[in-house]
Amino acid sequence: MTVPTWETPKSVVMPGITVAWGHEFMRDSRDITSRLVQGSSPFSIDTVSPDRNFLLAGAGVSMFTHGGTSFHIGYDVQVGENRYTVHSINGVMRMFF
């Protein structure tokens, strides 16, 4: 499979996509017990039970300069959860020095 790339006189630009399926095998909620540093009584918090299946998808573009510096910007989403949808935007810059 070939990835489409665009070459300019100073860099190479390459798009990318990712898709993944997640499955939670341990479906139970957890009981977390804590106490404050000042010596308080212990208290417990019950977590919510995680959803069984979810989809992770993302898209981004990377640019590699001929001088060795690279840049990446991407967007990711996690869907399939009953209570929320996760969105994230990320950026990366790598350079040699």
Protein backbone atom coordinates (compact mmCIF):
# COMPACT_ATOMS: atom_id res chain seq x y z
CA MET A 1 0.00 0.00 0.00
CA THR A 2 1.43 3.36 -0.97
CA VAL A 3 0.86 6.49 1.07
CA PRO A 4 0.29 9.62 -1.02
CA THR A 5 3.01 12.20 -0.38
CA TRP A 6 3.67 15.65 -1.77
CA GLU A 7 7.20 16.83 -2.23
CA THR A 8 8.20 20.49 -2.26
CA PRO A 9 11.70 21.87 -2.79
CA LYS A 10 12.22 22.06 0.99
CA SER A 11 10.02 19.29 2.48
CA VAL A 12 7.85 16.22 2.10
CA VAL A 13 4.22 16.30 3.29
CA MET A 14 2.47 13.05 4.22
CA PRO A 15 -1.15 12.61 5.42
CA GLY A 16 -2.23 9.72 7.62
CA ILE A 17 -5.31 8.13 9.16
CA THR A 18 -5.71 5.63 11.99
CA VAL A 19 -8.62 3.44 13.02
CA ALA A 20 -8.72 1.07 15.98
CA TRP A 21 -11.34 -0.87 17.90
CA GLY A 22 -11.10 -1.09 21.69
CA HIS A 23 -12.65 -3.77 23.86
CA GLU A 24 -12.73 -3.63 27.67
CA PHE A 25 -12.37 -7.11 29.16
CA MET A 26 -12.72 -6.09 32.82
CA ARG A 27 -16.12 -4.43 32.86
CA ASP A 28 -16.47 -3.93 36.60
CA SER A 29 -16.37 -0.63 38.42
CA ARG A 30 -13.68 -0.12 41.07
CA ASP A 31 -13.78 1.08 44.65
CA ILE A 32 -10.92 3.50 45.39
CA THR A 33 -10.18 4.19 49.08
CA SER A 34 -8.08 7.21 50.09
CA ARG A 35 -7.32 9.44 53.02
CA LEU A 36 -5.96 12.97 53.34
CA VAL A 37 -2.38 13.60 54.45
CA GLN A 38 -3.49 15.39 57.64
CA GLY A 39 -4.85 12.10 59.04
CA SER A 40 -8.50 12.19 58.05
CA SER A 41 -10.77 9.17 58.09
CA PRO A 42 -10.59 6.98 54.97
CA PHE A 43 -13.17 7.65 52.27
CA SER A 44 -14.15 5.63 49.19
CA ILE A 45 -15.12 6.58 45.66
CA ASP A 46 -16.81 4.14 43.28
CA THR A 47 -15.78 4.49 39.63
CA VAL A 48 -18.30 4.01 36.83
CA SER A 49 -18.29 0.77 34.90
CA PRO A 50 -16.45 1.23 31.58
CA ASP A 51 -18.23 0.60 28.30
CA ARG A 52 -17.41 -2.65 26.51
CA ASN A 53 -16.52 -1.49 22.99
CA PHE A 54 -15.37 1.78 21.48
CA LEU A 55 -13.88 3.12 18.26
CA LEU A 56 -10.67 5.16 18.08
CA ALA A 57 -10.11 7.16 14.87
CA GLY A 58 -7.71 9.87 13.84
CA ALA A 59 -6.31 11.88 10.98
CA GLY A 60 -3.25 14.03 10.65
CA VAL A 61 -0.58 15.43 8.43
CA SER A 62 3.21 15.30 8.84
CA MET A 63 5.86 17.44 7.21
CA PHE A 64 9.51 16.40 7.02
CA THR A 65 12.05 19.03 6.00
CA HIS A 66 15.24 18.12 4.19
CA GLY A 67 17.15 19.66 7.11
CA GLY A 68 15.87 16.98 9.50
CA THR A 69 13.10 18.94 11.27
CA SER A 70 9.61 17.44 11.25
CA PHE A 71 6.16 18.69 12.20
CA HIS A 72 2.91 16.82 12.82
CA ILE A 73 -0.62 17.96 13.58
CA GLY A 74 -3.45 15.52 14.18
CA TYR A 75 -6.99 15.03 15.42
CA ASP A 76 -8.22 11.95 17.32
CA VAL A 77 -11.69 10.92 18.46
CA GLN A 78 -12.95 8.09 20.70
CA VAL A 79 -16.63 7.23 20.21
CA GLY A 80 -18.89 4.49 21.50
CA GLU A 81 -18.85 5.44 25.17
CA ASN A 82 -22.32 5.92 26.65
CA ARG A 83 -21.46 8.97 28.71
CA TYR A 84 -18.95 10.92 26.63
CA THR A 85 -16.99 11.31 23.40
CA VAL A 86 -13.28 12.14 23.57
CA HIS A 87 -11.74 14.64 21.12
CA SER A 88 -8.07 15.59 21.03
CA ILE A 89 -5.85 17.75 18.85
CA ASN A 90 -2.12 17.21 19.05
CA GLY A 91 0.96 18.79 17.58
CA VAL A 92 4.58 17.65 17.49
CA MET A 93 7.79 19.35 16.38
CA ARG A 94 11.06 17.44 16.21
CA MET A 95 14.40 19.00 15.48
CA PHE A 96 18.04 18.01 15.68
CA PHE A 97 20.52 20.15 17.58
